[in-house]
Amino acid sequence: MNNERKKILARAYLVAALILLFSVSVFARLIYIQTHDTEKYKNLAQTTNFRNVEVVAARGNLYASDGILLATTITKYDIYIDMKTIRAELYQNNIGALCDSLQKMFNKPSYYFYSKLNEGKKKENQYLKLAKGLDYEQFARIKNFPILNKGKNKGGFIVERRRERIKTISGFGIRTLGFDDERGKSGLEGAFSCYLKGKNGREIQQRINQKQWKPINIELEPQDGNDVYTTIDMRIQDIAYSALQDQLEKSEADHGCAIVMEVSTGKIVALTNLQRTKEGGYDDLRNFAVWEAAEPGSTFKSISMLALLDDGYVGPNTTVDIGPGYWKYYKHTIRDDHGSGIITLSQVLSQSSNVGISKMIDKYFSKNPQDFLNKINSWGIDKKTYIDIPGESVPYIPKYGKKWSPITLAWMSFGYGVKLTPLQILTFYNGVANNGKLMKPQLLYKIEAKGILIEKFTPIVINQKMASQKAINDLKKMLTYAVETGTSKSIYTPNLSMAGKTGTAQVEYWNKGKGRLYQASFCGFFPADQPEYSCIVVINKPKKGFYGSQVAAPVFKEIAGKVYLKKPLNLPKEDKSKESQKINLLITKNRKLTINPSTTLVPNVIGYYGKDAIPALENLGLKVVYSGNGKVIEQSIIGYPIKKGMTVYLKLSA
């Protein structure tokens, strides 16, 4: 019995000794930490409970050349409350008033907020969500509510700001306007991101629980990006967008694009792309104008013709025998849709004769095809235009060598066996219109920072003289003749001289199961005698009509007519004054704004307080989105025809 008792006591003493030894070691470790590793563990606690987070800077605004806002960044405000921070006395004395204020703002019963806040107070919730996605006016209002007006340290008021990029005007879609985010870079946003994006800041956040953090302090203020002005002219952009959309719907085409370029500078003043959606409408889903390289068909004949004219082989009145309208060439047949017999080269272009152009190119270049390639490549036909916008395809021009076929040259002459984008074709035509001076397509106009000019971009010349002046003049006359008497004579009008060439190319001809599919196009310039603008219209896979003269040329005519004939040229001063009165507000003596309810144009509210301007615009049926507080300093649309539900974006002074 005694032995058993001794064994039990021995075990007890052993356990006690082990516990004592463990306790002493823990105590010794604590003493060591306090005296030796204090800073190390302070830093560890700091990094565990706090973090340094990047604050994204607001991107700059994107404008059209005429100052119309295309895209902007607005701030949304998320509101939270640190219930633990609020002292009991402050809470009890003001909770009722706070709930009443929240009820009026959010149209929910006050007991809903009372219950939510009381529950948060009991749990000492340090990050209680109160509201998300507030605009500036709502934020400015809520921060003055009872309790919240005591700020972060006493009232527990926590605000988190989010940036949202928004498109401000119709006529631009996701691909043309573009983006720069996790999807990549696209369109204008992607092209000019280096200017638009600012410098991000940093803020300190404190851990609330395993999943939540709350902002404590801004360590480095973010710097907003610069504003970018593009070369786009919204008046012309709207015209091109509407004309293209109408024709796509009428012809039931798959997709299309239209580009308008200023002849003397290469500035792109309109760029629109539309594709049929699954729902049957049309939207900007892909930048066909810049990306889609395809066999152009007969618009390439102007390139072949300039090669002939510049080398002095031929003139507009040189004749060629196109026989019965077809030509047996090696084991293939080249066919025409128009005319037969002996015709001039002006008629070759105006009638769009495949036989005529291929016979002439074969006659003068078949012995040395490299001469032809050298000539057209000197105009940059084989190179990208290197336009600012990303996604441009590389043109395909065959190289003379082992894989060169005997029929390659002839087929090239009328636009088969080569691939070019609409923009690349337009660049050539624009050079012809510009008396042989080839311009780089330009989309970037200037950069500003808070209204101060940072940089202005000048036009870039690719080729000072594409060809002899005589060859250029002859081709311009031949293209004018083509509109007056040729395949595109249906668009002729004595009110505006136009020059250009139709194009009709069969696409996917290797896929026999789909039947015949076509690409219709028209490229030219106006006015023909003193060109100001060049333009290309391309419509793909139309179901109703397929010739360029039927489908694409009418769009060109509509764009040219509305751009040029309705251009406000040298208006008398009194007319300008009357027009100005239509788009400006009427102001009474007490500075209260009133608008004539019969006005048809969006009024100018810049310089007036948002509290007056916003309801005045809304009374006209406009939807107003704004940021800031105070006077209006920027307005997205001024003087445009009012459409019910149209969105107007305002930027206020603070």
Foldseek 3Di string as FASTA:
>chain_A
DVVVVVVVVVVVVVVVVVVVVVVVVVVVVVVCCVVPVVVVVVVVVCPVFKDKDWAFAWFAWEAAQVFFTFKGKFKFKWKWFQLLLADPVQCVVALQQLLVLLCVVVVDHSVVVVVQSVVCNVVSQLTHTDDTGHFPVVVVSNCCGRLSVVDCRHSRIAMDMDMDMDTAAPLDACQQCHDDDPVHTHHPCRLCVVQGGWAIFMFMWGDRDPPDIGTDGTPGDTDGGWYFYWNADVLLSVLLSVLQQVLCLVLVFAWKWKWKAFLQFLETHYTGIWGQDPVGHIGRDHRQQFAPWDQFFQLLLLLLLLLCVQVPVFFQFDKDFLAPQWDCDPPDIAGFPDDGGIDGNLQCQLAVRLSVSLVVCCVPPLVPVVSSVVLSVLLVLQARLPESTPNGDGKADDDPDDPDDSCCRSCVNRRPPIIDHNNSSQQVQSCLLNLAFGWRNGTTAFIGHPNHTDDGDGIDTPDGGSGDSSSSVRSLVSQQVSCCDGLQVVLDDPVWRWGKGKGKDWPPPVPPVVPTWIKIKIWTFTRSVNTGMTMMMITTGGNHDGTNNVRYSVSVSSSVCCCPVVPPPPDDPVVVVVLLVLQAWDADPVRQTAHDLPRFWHHDQAPAFPVRVQVRRVSNQEAEAEHDGTGWHGKNGTGHGDDHHNYIYTYHDD
